C-alpha atoms as a PDB file:
ATOM      1  CA  MET A   1     204.385 166.970 132.003  1.00  0.00           C
ATOM      2  CA  THR A   2     201.986 164.516 130.463  1.00  0.00           C
ATOM      3  CA  GLU A   3     200.803 161.394 132.218  1.00  0.00           C
ATOM      4  CA  THR A   4     202.731 159.235 129.736  1.00  0.00           C
ATOM      5  CA  ALA A   5     205.953 161.198 130.275  1.00  0.00           C
ATOM      6  CA  GLY A   6     205.521 160.922 134.042  1.00  0.00           C
ATOM      7  CA  ALA A   7     205.031 157.160 133.762  1.00  0.00           C
ATOM      8  CA  LEU A   8     208.123 156.850 131.561  1.00  0.00           C
ATOM      9  CA  ASP A   9     210.173 158.906 134.041  1.00  0.00           C
ATOM     10  CA  SER A  10     209.005 156.686 136.909  1.00  0.00           C
ATOM     11  CA  LEU A  11     209.850 153.545 134.945  1.00  0.00           C
ATOM     12  CA  ALA A  12     213.344 154.848 134.172  1.00  0.00           C
ATOM     13  CA  ILE A  13     213.983 155.781 137.816  1.00  0.00           C
ATOM     14  CA  ASP A  14     212.726 152.410 139.030  1.00  0.00           C
ATOM     15  CA  THR A  15     214.943 150.683 136.453  1.00  0.00           C
ATOM     16  CA  ILE A  16     218.002 152.570 137.735  1.00  0.00           C
ATOM     17  CA  ARG A  17     217.102 151.479 141.265  1.00  0.00           C
ATOM     18  CA  THR A  18     216.653 147.840 140.246  1.00  0.00           C
ATOM     19  CA  LEU A  19     219.915 147.740 138.307  1.00  0.00           C
ATOM     20  CA  SER A  20     221.699 149.255 141.300  1.00  0.00           C
ATOM     21  CA  ILE A  21     220.318 146.571 143.598  1.00  0.00           C
ATOM     22  CA  ASP A  22     221.351 143.866 141.119  1.00  0.00           C
ATOM     23  CA  ALA A  23     224.877 145.269 140.761  1.00  0.00           C
ATOM     24  CA  VAL A  24     225.465 145.420 144.515  1.00  0.00           C
ATOM     25  CA  GLN A  25     224.075 141.896 144.919  1.00  0.00           C
ATOM     26  CA  LYS A  26     226.191 140.537 142.048  1.00  0.00           C
ATOM     27  CA  ALA A  27     229.341 142.173 143.449  1.00  0.00           C
ATOM     28  CA  ASN A  28     228.514 140.813 146.891  1.00  0.00           C
ATOM     29  CA  SER A  29     229.798 144.119 148.205  1.00  0.00           C
ATOM     30  CA  GLY A  30     228.407 147.519 149.046  1.00  0.00           C
ATOM     31  CA  HIS A  31     224.986 148.821 149.927  1.00  0.00           C
ATOM     32  CA  PRO A  32     222.277 149.884 147.452  1.00  0.00           C
ATOM     33  CA  GLY A  33     220.860 152.641 149.691  1.00  0.00           C
ATOM     34  CA  ALA A  34     222.676 155.587 148.126  1.00  0.00           C
ATOM     35  CA  PRO A  35     222.059 154.640 144.485  1.00  0.00           C
ATOM     36  CA  MET A  36     218.418 153.860 145.224  1.00  0.00           C
ATOM     37  CA  GLY A  37     217.881 157.134 147.048  1.00  0.00           C
ATOM     38  CA  MET A  38     219.806 159.196 144.499  1.00  0.00           C
ATOM     39  CA  ALA A  39     218.164 157.664 141.395  1.00  0.00           C
ATOM     40  CA  PRO A  40     215.553 160.438 140.920  1.00  0.00           C
ATOM     41  CA  MET A  41     218.197 163.169 141.266  1.00  0.00           C
ATOM     42  CA  ALA A  42     220.606 161.420 138.908  1.00  0.00           C
ATOM     43  CA  TYR A  43     217.872 160.807 136.329  1.00  0.00           C
ATOM     44  CA  THR A  44     216.788 164.452 136.449  1.00  0.00           C
ATOM     45  CA  LEU A  45     220.348 165.720 136.079  1.00  0.00           C
ATOM     46  CA  TRP A  46     221.108 163.338 133.215  1.00  0.00           C
ATOM     47  CA  THR A  47     217.916 163.939 131.230  1.00  0.00           C
ATOM     48  CA  ARG A  48     217.443 167.665 131.777  1.00  0.00           C
ATOM     49  CA  PHE A  49     220.818 169.272 132.433  1.00  0.00           C
ATOM     50  CA  LEU A  50     223.857 167.209 131.444  1.00  0.00           C
ATOM     51  CA  ARG A  51     224.965 166.857 127.835  1.00  0.00           C
ATOM     52  CA  HIS A  52     226.590 163.689 126.559  1.00  0.00           C
ATOM     53  CA  ALA A  53     227.944 162.614 123.171  1.00  0.00           C
ATOM     54  CA  PRO A  54     229.671 159.199 123.347  1.00  0.00           C
ATOM     55  CA  SER A  55     230.892 159.549 119.770  1.00  0.00           C
ATOM     56  CA  GLU A  56     232.599 162.857 120.635  1.00  0.00           C
ATOM     57  CA  PRO A  57     234.479 162.435 123.948  1.00  0.00           C
ATOM     58  CA  THR A  58     236.179 165.823 123.514  1.00  0.00           C
ATOM     59  CA  TRP A  59     232.894 167.613 122.785  1.00  0.00           C
ATOM     60  CA  PRO A  60     233.180 171.084 124.394  1.00  0.00           C
ATOM     61  CA  ASN A  61     229.818 170.952 126.187  1.00  0.00           C
ATOM     62  CA  ALA A  62     230.204 167.373 127.392  1.00  0.00           C
ATOM     63  CA  THR A  63     229.629 166.807 131.052  1.00  0.00           C
ATOM     64  CA  ALA A  64     229.740 163.671 133.148  1.00  0.00           C
ATOM     65  CA  PRO A  65     228.736 162.916 136.697  1.00  0.00           C
ATOM     66  CA  ALA A  66     231.561 162.937 139.212  1.00  0.00           C
ATOM     67  CA  LEU A  67     231.528 161.527 142.699  1.00  0.00           C
ATOM     68  CA  GLY A  68     233.782 162.780 145.454  1.00  0.00           C
ATOM     69  CA  ARG A  69     235.835 160.359 147.495  1.00  0.00           C
ATOM     70  CA  HIS A  70     233.191 160.357 150.240  1.00  0.00           C
ATOM     71  CA  ALA A  71     230.472 159.252 147.839  1.00  0.00           C
ATOM     72  CA  GLN A  72     232.234 156.286 146.301  1.00  0.00           C
ATOM     73  CA  HIS A  73     229.627 153.958 147.783  1.00  0.00           C
ATOM     74  CA  ALA A  74     227.236 155.501 145.238  1.00  0.00           C
ATOM     75  CA  ALA A  75     229.572 154.849 142.297  1.00  0.00           C
ATOM     76  CA  VAL A  76     227.323 152.082 141.006  1.00  0.00           C
ATOM     77  CA  LEU A  77     224.781 154.811 140.250  1.00  0.00           C
ATOM     78  CA  ALA A  78     227.073 156.405 137.674  1.00  0.00           C
ATOM     79  CA  ALA A  79     227.054 153.172 135.669  1.00  0.00           C
ATOM     80  CA  TYR A  80     223.311 153.348 135.088  1.00  0.00           C
ATOM     81  CA  ILE A  81     222.750 156.949 134.112  1.00  0.00           C
END
């Protein structure tokens, strides 16, 4: 990975963290710990493994993140990836 790509990855991860903090604060509910801690994992999954085509919701290779009922406190994370 180049230095520029690494800096861009870090900026994206930090942006996800900041948006998560803002969303929890705006909602006046929840805790930003899980989305902040999971931001690097979510970013890596989204950019390197998952496939997404908003214009084709029935696309055969489409995948989307799913959170189990015990991880609902991290649901705000799904909004920013």
